[in-house]
Structure formats: C-alpha cells, structure tokens
N, C-alpha and C. Protein backbone atom coordinates (compact mmCIF):
# COMPACT_ATOMS: atom_id res chain seq x y z
N MET A 1 -8.09 19.53 -4.95
CA MET A 1 -8.88 19.17 -3.90
C MET A 1 -10.45 19.54 -2.81
N SER A 2 -11.01 17.70 -2.96
CA SER A 2 -12.07 18.29 -2.90
C SER A 2 -12.70 19.23 -1.44
N ASP A 3 -13.82 20.28 -1.22
CA ASP A 3 -13.96 20.63 -0.28
C ASP A 3 -14.65 20.32 0.53
N ARG A 4 -15.44 19.13 0.12
CA ARG A 4 -16.45 18.34 1.42
C ARG A 4 -15.86 17.74 2.31
N THR A 5 -16.40 18.06 2.98
CA THR A 5 -16.12 17.71 4.41
C THR A 5 -16.81 16.57 4.94
N ALA A 6 -17.96 15.97 4.83
CA ALA A 6 -18.31 14.82 5.09
C ALA A 6 -19.03 14.08 4.08
N PRO A 7 -19.54 12.75 4.08
CA PRO A 7 -20.18 12.13 3.17
C PRO A 7 -21.44 13.12 3.01
N PRO A 8 -22.08 13.40 1.46
CA PRO A 8 -23.59 13.43 1.93
C PRO A 8 -24.61 12.80 2.82
N ASP A 9 -24.25 11.89 3.23
CA ASP A 9 -25.59 11.35 3.56
C ASP A 9 -25.11 11.19 5.69
N ARG A 10 -24.62 11.64 5.74
CA ARG A 10 -24.21 12.37 6.98
C ARG A 10 -24.19 13.55 7.63
N ALA A 11 -24.63 13.88 8.34
CA ALA A 11 -24.95 15.15 9.46
C ALA A 11 -23.82 14.67 10.02
N PRO A 12 -23.21 16.04 10.71
CA PRO A 12 -21.91 16.18 11.50
C PRO A 12 -22.04 15.58 12.34
N GLU A 13 -20.74 14.74 12.96
CA GLU A 13 -21.14 14.80 14.48
C GLU A 13 -20.58 15.04 15.43
N PRO A 14 -21.38 14.79 16.25
CA PRO A 14 -21.31 15.34 17.45
C PRO A 14 -19.27 16.41 17.92
N GLY A 15 -19.64 17.30 18.16
CA GLY A 15 -18.33 18.03 18.59
C GLY A 15 -18.17 18.57 17.03
N GLU A 16 -18.49 18.09 15.90
CA GLU A 16 -18.09 18.88 14.83
C GLU A 16 -18.72 20.82 14.78
N ASP A 17 -17.49 21.19 14.63
CA ASP A 17 -17.88 22.89 14.34
C ASP A 17 -19.40 22.61 13.31
N ALA A 18 -19.83 23.23 13.30
CA ALA A 18 -20.62 23.45 12.14
C ALA A 18 -20.41 24.37 11.14
N ARG A 19 -19.33 24.71 10.64
CA ARG A 19 -18.72 25.46 9.57
C ARG A 19 -17.87 24.72 8.82
N ALA A 20 -17.43 23.33 9.60
CA ALA A 20 -17.04 21.76 8.72
C ALA A 20 -17.87 21.55 7.53
N GLU A 21 -18.84 21.78 6.83
CA GLU A 21 -20.24 21.19 6.58
C GLU A 21 -19.76 21.61 5.15
N HIS A 22 -18.89 23.57 5.59
CA HIS A 22 -19.11 24.59 4.36
C HIS A 22 -17.64 24.58 4.19
N ASP A 23 -16.34 24.40 5.16
CA ASP A 23 -15.08 25.13 5.43
C ASP A 23 -14.04 24.11 5.33
N ALA A 24 -13.56 24.35 4.31
CA ALA A 24 -12.23 22.89 4.53
C ALA A 24 -11.52 22.37 5.40
N PHE A 25 -11.29 24.22 6.40
CA PHE A 25 -9.97 24.08 6.87
C PHE A 25 -11.09 23.85 8.72
N HIS A 26 -11.85 23.32 8.90
CA HIS A 26 -12.27 22.96 9.96
C HIS A 26 -13.01 21.77 10.00
N ARG A 27 -12.06 20.48 9.23
CA ARG A 27 -12.73 19.65 8.94
C ARG A 27 -12.24 18.54 9.98
N ARG A 28 -12.78 17.51 10.23
CA ARG A 28 -12.81 16.30 12.01
C ARG A 28 -11.21 16.38 10.99
N LEU A 29 -10.69 15.38 11.67
CA LEU A 29 -9.56 14.39 12.05
C LEU A 29 -10.03 12.72 12.63
N HIS A 30 -9.89 11.56 12.51
CA HIS A 30 -10.49 10.49 11.76
C HIS A 30 -9.07 9.63 12.45
N GLN A 31 -9.30 8.67 13.65
CA GLN A 31 -8.51 7.79 14.37
C GLN A 31 -9.46 6.41 13.73
N VAL A 32 -8.19 5.55 13.70
CA VAL A 32 -8.02 4.47 13.41
C VAL A 32 -8.04 3.52 14.73
N ARG A 33 -8.60 2.85 15.70
CA ARG A 33 -7.78 2.54 16.32
C ARG A 33 -7.59 0.65 15.67
N PRO A 34 -7.08 -0.25 16.92
CA PRO A 34 -6.64 -1.38 16.02
C PRO A 34 -7.42 -2.47 15.88
N THR A 35 -8.39 -2.65 17.10
CA THR A 35 -9.61 -2.80 16.90
C THR A 35 -11.07 -2.72 15.25
N ASP A 36 -10.41 -1.58 14.86
CA ASP A 36 -11.35 -1.25 14.26
C ASP A 36 -10.99 -1.36 13.08
N LEU A 37 -9.29 -2.43 12.38
CA LEU A 37 -9.02 -2.40 11.40
C LEU A 37 -10.10 -3.79 10.97
N SER A 38 -10.19 -3.51 9.07
CA SER A 38 -11.10 -4.40 8.86
C SER A 38 -9.96 -5.15 6.87
N ALA A 39 -10.93 -6.11 7.40
CA ALA A 39 -10.19 -7.03 6.27
C ALA A 39 -10.91 -7.50 5.54
N HIS A 40 -11.77 -6.89 4.98
CA HIS A 40 -12.24 -6.60 4.31
C HIS A 40 -12.42 -5.72 2.82
N THR A 41 -11.26 -6.22 2.41
CA THR A 41 -10.21 -5.20 1.03
C THR A 41 -9.32 -6.59 0.69
N ALA A 42 -8.80 -6.40 -0.57
CA ALA A 42 -8.32 -6.82 -1.92
C ALA A 42 -7.13 -8.10 -1.29
N GLN A 43 -6.97 -9.59 -1.19
CA GLN A 43 -6.24 -10.02 -0.45
C GLN A 43 -5.43 -10.56 -1.67
N THR A 44 -3.92 -10.98 -0.64
CA THR A 44 -2.88 -12.71 -1.82
C THR A 44 -3.16 -13.43 -1.04
N GLU A 45 -3.40 -14.27 -1.98
CA GLU A 45 -2.68 -16.02 -0.85
C GLU A 45 -1.39 -15.52 -0.57
N GLY A 46 -1.41 -16.27 1.30
CA GLY A 46 -0.47 -15.88 1.59
C GLY A 46 0.32 -14.98 2.87
N MET A 47 -1.07 -13.93 2.99
CA MET A 47 -0.90 -13.18 3.67
C MET A 47 -2.26 -12.39 3.83
N LEU A 48 -2.16 -11.08 4.55
CA LEU A 48 -4.10 -11.20 5.76
C LEU A 48 -3.19 -9.73 5.47
N ARG A 49 -4.14 -8.69 4.48
CA ARG A 49 -4.37 -7.27 4.46
C ARG A 49 -5.49 -7.03 5.58
N VAL A 50 -5.08 -5.44 6.28
CA VAL A 50 -6.35 -4.86 6.42
C VAL A 50 -6.43 -4.08 6.35
N GLU A 51 -7.36 -3.08 6.67
CA GLU A 51 -7.16 -1.34 5.66
C GLU A 51 -8.16 -0.63 7.44
N ALA A 52 -6.69 0.09 7.37
CA ALA A 52 -7.69 1.68 8.40
C ALA A 52 -8.08 2.36 7.93
N LEU A 53 -7.35 3.28 6.82
CA LEU A 53 -8.00 4.46 6.35
C LEU A 53 -7.62 4.66 4.70
N SER A 54 -9.21 4.69 4.48
CA SER A 54 -9.55 4.05 2.76
C SER A 54 -11.18 5.05 2.92
N GLY A 55 -11.71 5.00 1.75
CA GLY A 55 -12.92 5.36 1.17
C GLY A 55 -13.70 4.93 2.35
N PRO A 56 -14.15 3.69 2.43
CA PRO A 56 -15.00 2.94 3.34
C PRO A 56 -14.87 3.51 5.11
N THR A 57 -13.41 3.56 5.13
CA THR A 57 -13.03 3.70 6.48
C THR A 57 -13.29 5.09 7.05
N VAL A 58 -12.94 5.78 5.86
CA VAL A 58 -12.89 7.29 7.22
C VAL A 58 -13.35 8.44 5.82
N GLY A 59 -13.86 8.13 4.18
CA GLY A 59 -13.76 8.84 3.18
C GLY A 59 -12.78 9.38 2.47
N THR A 60 -11.60 8.52 2.71
CA THR A 60 -10.30 9.10 1.92
C THR A 60 -10.37 9.27 0.09
N GLU A 61 -9.96 10.03 -0.46
CA GLU A 61 -10.32 9.92 -1.84
C GLU A 61 -9.23 9.14 -3.00
N ARG A 62 -8.05 9.72 -2.35
CA ARG A 62 -6.97 9.86 -2.44
C ARG A 62 -5.53 9.02 -1.92
N LEU A 63 -6.23 8.13 -1.58
CA LEU A 63 -5.12 7.74 0.10
C LEU A 63 -6.01 6.30 0.66
N TRP A 64 -5.04 5.18 0.48
CA TRP A 64 -5.26 3.69 0.88
C TRP A 64 -4.24 3.60 1.87
N MET A 65 -4.01 2.99 3.26
CA MET A 65 -3.65 2.17 4.59
C MET A 65 -3.67 1.72 5.30
N GLY A 66 -2.68 0.66 5.68
CA GLY A 66 -3.48 -0.28 6.14
C GLY A 66 -1.87 -1.32 6.69
N GLN A 67 -2.22 -2.30 6.71
CA GLN A 67 -1.05 -3.13 7.90
C GLN A 67 -1.69 -4.41 6.64
N THR A 68 -0.10 -5.20 6.29
CA THR A 68 0.00 -6.84 5.53
C THR A 68 0.16 -7.10 7.33
N HIS A 69 -0.30 -8.83 7.16
CA HIS A 69 0.61 -9.69 8.50
C HIS A 69 1.11 -10.76 7.16
N VAL A 70 2.11 -11.03 7.51
CA VAL A 70 3.05 -12.54 7.18
C VAL A 70 3.17 -13.22 8.11
N ALA A 71 2.74 -14.73 7.79
CA ALA A 71 2.77 -15.42 8.75
C ALA A 71 3.98 -16.03 8.82
N PRO A 72 4.75 -16.66 10.08
CA PRO A 72 5.84 -17.33 9.93
C PRO A 72 6.42 -18.59 8.22
N SER A 73 7.97 -18.30 7.79
CA SER A 73 7.92 -19.31 6.78
C SER A 73 6.60 -19.57 5.92
N THR A 74 6.94 -17.61 5.99
CA THR A 74 5.35 -17.87 4.13
C THR A 74 5.26 -16.79 2.70
N ARG A 75 5.27 -16.90 2.24
CA ARG A 75 5.40 -16.34 0.79
C ARG A 75 4.28 -16.02 -0.05
N SER A 76 3.94 -14.84 -0.16
CA SER A 76 2.31 -14.49 -1.12
C SER A 76 2.86 -14.45 -1.88
N ALA A 77 1.17 -14.93 -2.79
CA ALA A 77 1.12 -15.07 -3.95
C ALA A 77 2.00 -13.91 -5.20
N ASN A 78 2.48 -14.45 -6.53
CA ASN A 78 3.06 -12.86 -6.81
C ASN A 78 1.83 -11.75 -7.31
N HIS A 79 2.30 -11.08 -7.01
CA HIS A 79 1.31 -9.71 -7.70
C HIS A 79 1.84 -7.87 -8.06
N HIS A 80 0.97 -7.01 -8.27
CA HIS A 80 0.99 -6.03 -8.95
C HIS A 80 -0.21 -5.23 -8.26
N HIS A 81 0.36 -3.72 -7.78
CA HIS A 81 -1.04 -2.46 -7.44
C HIS A 81 -1.16 -1.87 -8.96
N GLY A 82 -1.66 -1.89 -9.36
CA GLY A 82 -1.92 -0.97 -10.67
C GLY A 82 -1.91 -0.44 -10.67
N LEU A 83 -2.04 1.37 -10.90
CA LEU A 83 -1.33 2.21 -10.93
C LEU A 83 -1.03 2.84 -9.34
N SER A 84 -1.51 1.88 -8.83
CA SER A 84 -0.94 3.05 -7.58
C SER A 84 0.91 2.53 -6.94
N GLU A 85 0.87 4.00 -6.55
CA GLU A 85 2.18 4.04 -5.68
C GLU A 85 2.05 2.99 -4.25
N THR A 86 3.42 2.33 -3.90
CA THR A 86 3.39 2.16 -2.70
C THR A 86 4.18 2.11 -2.22
N GLY A 87 4.27 2.56 -1.06
CA GLY A 87 5.45 2.95 0.25
C GLY A 87 4.75 1.97 1.21
N ILE A 88 5.98 0.68 1.83
CA ILE A 88 6.25 -0.21 3.04
C ILE A 88 6.79 0.42 3.83
N TYR A 89 6.66 -0.01 4.85
CA TYR A 89 7.10 0.35 6.81
C TYR A 89 7.01 -0.50 7.23
N VAL A 90 8.73 -0.87 7.68
CA VAL A 90 8.87 -2.05 8.25
C VAL A 90 8.28 -2.40 9.42
N VAL A 91 7.32 -2.52 10.45
CA VAL A 91 7.21 -2.87 12.13
C VAL A 91 8.04 -4.31 12.86
N THR A 92 7.53 -5.23 11.97
CA THR A 92 7.95 -6.29 13.02
C THR A 92 8.81 -7.69 11.71
N GLY A 93 9.75 -8.02 12.35
CA GLY A 93 10.48 -9.19 11.42
C GLY A 93 11.43 -8.57 10.98
N HIS A 94 11.38 -9.25 9.21
CA HIS A 94 12.72 -9.92 8.44
C HIS A 94 11.37 -9.89 7.16
N PRO A 95 10.72 -8.83 6.33
CA PRO A 95 10.38 -9.62 4.82
C PRO A 95 11.16 -9.25 4.55
N ALA A 96 10.97 -10.30 3.40
CA ALA A 96 11.96 -9.59 2.17
C ALA A 96 11.19 -9.64 1.23
N PHE A 97 11.21 -8.25 0.38
CA PHE A 97 10.12 -7.97 -1.19
C PHE A 97 10.55 -8.17 -2.60
N VAL A 98 10.57 -9.24 -2.94
CA VAL A 98 10.40 -9.86 -4.18
C VAL A 98 10.60 -9.49 -5.90
N PHE A 99 11.08 -9.13 -6.44
CA PHE A 99 11.19 -8.88 -7.63
C PHE A 99 12.07 -9.20 -8.92
N LEU A 100 11.58 -8.93 -10.14
CA LEU A 100 12.50 -9.17 -11.56
C LEU A 100 12.91 -8.34 -12.00
N ARG A 101 14.43 -8.60 -12.17
CA ARG A 101 15.15 -7.43 -12.64
C ARG A 101 16.58 -8.51 -13.89
N ASP A 102 15.72 -7.44 -15.34
CA ASP A 102 17.04 -8.85 -16.14
C ASP A 102 16.53 -9.95 -16.53
N ASP A 103 15.30 -10.56 -16.11
CA ASP A 103 15.01 -12.04 -15.48
C ASP A 103 15.43 -12.34 -14.50
N GLU A 104 16.48 -11.69 -13.71
CA GLU A 104 16.91 -12.49 -12.63
C GLU A 104 15.95 -11.83 -10.60
N GLU A 105 16.14 -12.88 -10.40
CA GLU A 105 14.98 -12.67 -8.78
C GLU A 105 16.10 -11.91 -8.18
N ILE A 106 15.68 -10.97 -7.72
CA ILE A 106 16.13 -9.90 -6.92
C ILE A 106 15.45 -9.42 -5.62
N ARG A 107 15.95 -9.89 -4.01
CA ARG A 107 15.73 -9.53 -2.72
C ARG A 107 16.02 -8.53 -1.98
N LEU A 108 14.76 -8.30 -1.75
CA LEU A 108 15.53 -6.59 -0.83
C LEU A 108 14.84 -7.46 0.82
N GLU A 109 16.14 -7.76 1.12
CA GLU A 109 16.30 -7.95 2.78
C GLU A 109 15.71 -6.96 3.51
N THR A 110 14.54 -6.55 4.41
CA THR A 110 14.77 -6.11 5.95
C THR A 110 14.41 -6.06 6.62
N ALA A 111 14.15 -4.81 7.39
CA ALA A 111 14.48 -5.55 9.17
C ALA A 111 13.37 -3.96 9.28
N PRO A 112 13.30 -4.20 11.02
CA PRO A 112 12.19 -2.57 11.84
C PRO A 112 12.59 -1.83 11.13
N GLY A 113 12.38 -0.68 11.08
CA GLY A 113 11.93 0.32 10.34
C GLY A 113 12.44 1.04 9.12
N ASP A 114 12.62 -0.28 8.32
CA ASP A 114 13.32 0.26 6.81
C ASP A 114 12.02 0.04 5.97
N TYR A 115 11.64 1.04 5.06
CA TYR A 115 11.02 1.67 4.07
C TYR A 115 11.27 1.48 2.98
N ILE A 116 9.92 0.52 2.00
CA ILE A 116 10.55 -0.08 0.44
C ILE A 116 9.03 0.78 0.36
N TYR A 117 9.79 0.80 -1.44
CA TYR A 117 9.20 1.65 -2.62
C TYR A 117 8.65 0.95 -3.49
N VAL A 118 7.24 0.44 -4.25
CA VAL A 118 6.90 -0.42 -4.58
C VAL A 118 6.36 0.71 -6.05
N PRO A 119 7.26 0.86 -7.29
CA PRO A 119 6.36 1.71 -8.49
C PRO A 119 5.41 0.74 -9.21
N PRO A 120 4.15 1.83 -9.71
CA PRO A 120 3.13 0.95 -10.37
C PRO A 120 3.56 0.37 -10.90
N TRP A 121 2.60 -1.06 -11.00
CA TRP A 121 2.10 -2.45 -12.00
C TRP A 121 3.75 -3.17 -11.46
N ALA A 122 4.20 -3.19 -10.71
CA ALA A 122 5.75 -3.35 -10.53
C ALA A 122 5.51 -4.78 -9.77
N PRO A 123 6.03 -5.94 -10.95
CA PRO A 123 5.36 -7.33 -9.68
C PRO A 123 6.21 -7.67 -8.75
N HIS A 124 5.30 -8.28 -7.97
CA HIS A 124 6.43 -8.82 -6.80
C HIS A 124 5.67 -9.35 -5.73
N ARG A 125 6.60 -10.17 -4.80
CA ARG A 125 6.15 -10.90 -3.38
C ARG A 125 6.47 -10.36 -2.47
N GLU A 126 6.00 -10.49 -1.46
CA GLU A 126 6.66 -10.93 0.31
C GLU A 126 7.24 -11.95 -0.08
N GLU A 127 7.98 -12.28 1.08
CA GLU A 127 8.27 -13.27 1.77
C GLU A 127 8.73 -13.38 3.43
N ASN A 128 8.31 -13.96 3.91
CA ASN A 128 8.87 -14.31 5.92
C ASN A 128 9.44 -15.63 5.84
N PRO A 129 10.54 -15.70 5.86
CA PRO A 129 12.00 -16.91 5.86
C PRO A 129 11.81 -16.87 7.24
N ASP A 130 11.56 -16.01 8.50
CA ASP A 130 11.41 -16.55 9.68
C ASP A 130 10.39 -17.45 10.38
N PRO A 131 11.10 -18.90 10.88
CA PRO A 131 9.89 -20.02 10.89
C PRO A 131 9.23 -19.44 12.27
N ASP A 132 9.36 -18.70 13.18
CA ASP A 132 8.74 -18.57 14.36
C ASP A 132 7.94 -16.68 14.11
N THR A 133 8.64 -16.10 13.95
CA THR A 133 7.65 -14.67 13.48
C THR A 133 6.76 -13.93 13.03
N GLU A 134 5.82 -13.81 12.35
CA GLU A 134 5.21 -13.14 12.30
C GLU A 134 6.01 -11.87 11.60
N ALA A 135 5.58 -11.36 10.11
CA ALA A 135 6.14 -10.47 9.87
C ALA A 135 4.86 -9.06 9.43
N ILE A 136 4.72 -7.63 10.06
CA ILE A 136 4.27 -7.01 9.73
C ILE A 136 4.10 -5.61 9.34
N VAL A 137 3.66 -5.43 8.16
CA VAL A 137 4.07 -4.02 7.37
C VAL A 137 3.17 -2.94 7.27
N VAL A 138 3.83 -1.91 7.51
CA VAL A 138 2.12 -0.40 7.31
C VAL A 138 2.46 -0.15 5.95
N ILE A 139 1.26 -0.04 4.93
CA ILE A 139 1.05 0.27 3.68
C ILE A 139 0.12 1.12 3.49
N ALA A 140 1.12 2.04 2.50
CA ALA A 140 0.29 3.34 2.09
C ALA A 140 0.17 3.43 0.50
N ARG A 141 -0.77 3.71 0.35
CA ARG A 141 -0.81 3.65 -1.45
C ARG A 141 -1.66 4.48 -1.89
N THR A 142 -1.34 5.22 -3.37
CA THR A 142 -1.79 6.70 -3.93
C THR A 142 -3.24 6.50 -4.15
N THR A 143 -3.55 5.10 -4.34
CA THR A 143 -4.85 5.61 -4.73
C THR A 143 -6.17 5.23 -3.01
N GLN A 144 -7.26 5.15 -3.09
CA GLN A 144 -8.41 5.51 -1.95
C GLN A 144 -8.15 3.72 -1.96
N GLU A 145 -8.22 2.41 -2.88
CA GLU A 145 -8.46 1.18 -2.69
C GLU A 145 -7.29 1.10 -2.79
N ALA A 146 -7.66 -0.31 -1.74
CA ALA A 146 -6.37 -1.72 -2.55
C ALA A 146 -6.23 -2.60 -3.49
N ILE A 147 -5.65 -1.74 -4.44
CA ILE A 147 -5.63 -2.72 -6.10
C ILE A 147 -4.73 -3.60 -5.76
N VAL A 148 -4.88 -4.81 -6.03
CA VAL A 148 -4.19 -5.69 -6.13
C VAL A 148 -4.57 -6.53 -7.14
N VAL A 149 -3.35 -7.20 -7.83
CA VAL A 149 -3.57 -7.67 -9.60
C VAL A 149 -2.90 -9.17 -9.20
N ASN A 150 -2.71 -9.96 -8.54
CA ASN A 150 -2.75 -11.32 -8.53
C ASN A 150 -1.92 -11.99 -10.01
N LEU A 151 -0.19 -12.86 -10.32
CA LEU A 151 -0.20 -13.38 -11.14
C LEU A 151 0.61 -14.13 -11.09
N PRO A 152 0.67 -15.13 -12.16
CA PRO A 152 1.15 -16.08 -11.73
C PRO A 152 2.64 -16.90 -11.89
N ASP A 153 2.94 -15.59 -11.68
CA ASP A 153 4.43 -14.91 -11.61
C ASP A 153 5.07 -13.72 -12.01
N LEU A 154 6.55 -13.33 -11.24
CA LEU A 154 6.60 -12.14 -11.69
C LEU A 154 6.93 -11.39 -12.72
N ARG A 155 6.48 -11.84 -13.89
CA ARG A 155 6.76 -11.63 -14.98
C ARG A 155 5.56 -10.96 -15.46
N TRP A 156 6.11 -9.33 -15.51
CA TRP A 156 4.77 -8.46 -16.21
C TRP A 156 4.83 -8.30 -17.81
N ARG A 157 3.68 -8.78 -18.24
CA ARG A 157 2.64 -9.50 -19.05
C ARG A 157 1.95 -8.47 -19.84
N GLY A 158 2.56 -6.67 -19.93
CA GLY A 158 1.51 -5.52 -20.33
C GLY A 158 1.99 -4.07 -21.39
N PRO A 159 1.53 -3.99 -21.16
CA PRO A 159 2.00 -2.85 -22.04
C PRO A 159 3.40 -2.36 -21.70
N ALA A 160 4.73 -1.88 -21.76
CA ALA A 160 5.72 -1.49 -20.90
C ALA A 160 5.31 0.16 -20.75
N ARG A 161 5.61 -0.02 -19.21
CA ARG A 161 5.76 1.53 -18.58
C ARG A 161 7.09 2.04 -18.96
N THR A 162 7.53 3.67 -20.07
CA THR A 162 8.07 3.88 -19.71
C THR A 162 8.40 5.45 -19.02
N SER A 163 7.41 5.68 -18.88
CA SER A 163 8.00 7.31 -17.84
C SER A 163 7.45 7.04 -16.53
N ASN A 164 7.49 8.14 -15.54
CA ASN A 164 6.93 8.05 -14.64
C ASN A 164 6.49 10.15 -14.02
N ARG A 165 5.43 10.12 -14.51
CA ARG A 165 5.13 11.47 -14.24
C ARG A 165 5.85 12.39 -15.43
N GLY A 166 6.20 12.16 -16.51
CA GLY A 166 7.40 12.75 -16.78
C GLY A 166 9.00 12.54 -16.72
N ARG A 167 8.98 11.74 -15.62
CA ARG A 167 10.53 11.07 -15.12
C ARG A 167 10.66 10.04 -15.78
N GLY A 168 11.40 9.45 -16.89
CA GLY A 168 11.19 8.98 -17.50
C GLY A 168 12.58 7.46 -16.28
N ALA A 169 12.48 6.62 -16.98
CA ALA A 169 12.68 5.53 -16.05
C ALA A 169 14.68 5.54 -15.76
N ASP A 170 15.54 5.55 -17.19
CA ASP A 170 16.52 6.20 -17.09
C ASP A 170 17.20 7.45 -16.04
N SER A 171 16.35 8.55 -16.54
CA SER A 171 17.20 8.94 -14.38
C SER A 171 16.61 8.60 -13.67
N ARG A 172 15.92 7.32 -13.14
CA ARG A 172 15.35 7.29 -12.29
C ARG A 172 16.81 6.24 -11.56
N ARG A 173 17.30 5.66 -12.82
CA ARG A 173 18.87 4.41 -12.86
C ARG A 173 19.69 5.92 -12.63
N GLU A 174 20.29 6.49 -13.38
CA GLU A 174 20.88 6.90 -12.94
C GLU A 174 21.35 7.35 -11.54
N ARG A 175 19.99 7.60 -10.74
CA ARG A 175 19.89 8.06 -9.67
C ARG A 175 20.62 7.11 -8.45
N GLY A 176 20.13 6.09 -9.32
CA GLY A 176 20.77 4.93 -8.25
C GLY A 176 19.16 4.56 -7.48
N GLY A 177 18.56 4.72 -7.74
CA GLY A 177 16.89 4.24 -7.32
C GLY A 177 15.73 3.31 -8.00
N GLY A 178 15.05 2.72 -6.46
CA GLY A 178 14.07 2.22 -7.71
C GLY A 178 13.96 0.84 -7.68
N ILE A 179 12.90 0.42 -7.37
CA ILE A 179 12.59 -1.06 -7.71
C ILE A 179 11.91 -0.70 -9.54
N ASP A 180 12.57 -1.14 -10.54
CA ASP A 180 11.99 -1.05 -12.12
C ASP A 180 12.66 -1.89 -12.89
C-alpha cells in the first residue's frame, strides 16, 4: 500500500495536518455528495452509471464506487467488467440480474437491501421490469476505474477462467455460491 497522502500536484487542503504529507495514518477522509456524482465514466446502453469514489474524484488506487440507475421497463446491454470483481447493493426498485449457466438464462430477482456479487469476466445484464419505478443500485469494484466491456450477447468469447486466486471454480460450486 502506498503511503502517498495526496496527489503530488496539490498541497494539503486547509485543515489537513502537515504530517499528512509524510504519514499514512493522518490522511484525510473524502466526502462525495449526491450533487458531486459524475457521469463521466464507462456506460452501457439502458442504464446510467455515476461515479462517487474513483481515482479522478478522490484519488483511489484500487477501488471504484458509484451508482447505477436503470429506468422503468428497461434492460441494459449485455456486458462484463473485465478483471474487476463487482459488489452490488440494491437501494430502490426490483432489478433483475441476468447471466448464462449452461446456455440457459438465469435471473436473480432482487429487492431493496439485497446484495449481488458479479465475478470478474462474467457476462451479465441488468433489467428493470417495473413500469413505474427507477431501480438504483450502489456498486463497488476492485479496480479504481469502471471497466465495462459491452457484448452482443451473454456468451463468453474468451479464454476460460478456471480459478479465482488459487480457489478453483469447483470449490465455489461445492459451497453453493456465486454467479459462474
């Protein structure tokens, strides 16, 4: 982990302790208000992504966090997020998350308070079947940028991913979890 406390092109902000330039234990916290969310991030047709925490907004190095808004009666394009793991928390609405398992579409129907895990490289799409209510989810990714690779369908067209940091896909299936 870097002990850098601020991008090298800026001086400490008022109220920051002078030690912050040299001491990782005195780094400042960042607050991003809803009015400061940025749509200048990777997008997928059928949804709007806004970033809150990223390299450009607060200087993250290994984290991206934001929101996705899916309009009523809308479905996103098929896509994956490359090497990034994605955690999703459903704030409003009842979005569905769709992926393929053995060439069959699987739909995970959600409600506010639910969490979804999307493994790296997993093709999927979001759908909002509600004709009246926008679905909003909070997203956290393990890369500081929003990696989005739009796809023509949900089939994977690349090298097979057979392990997850030393844990084989079979061990995940035995535990009964995950989209794979």
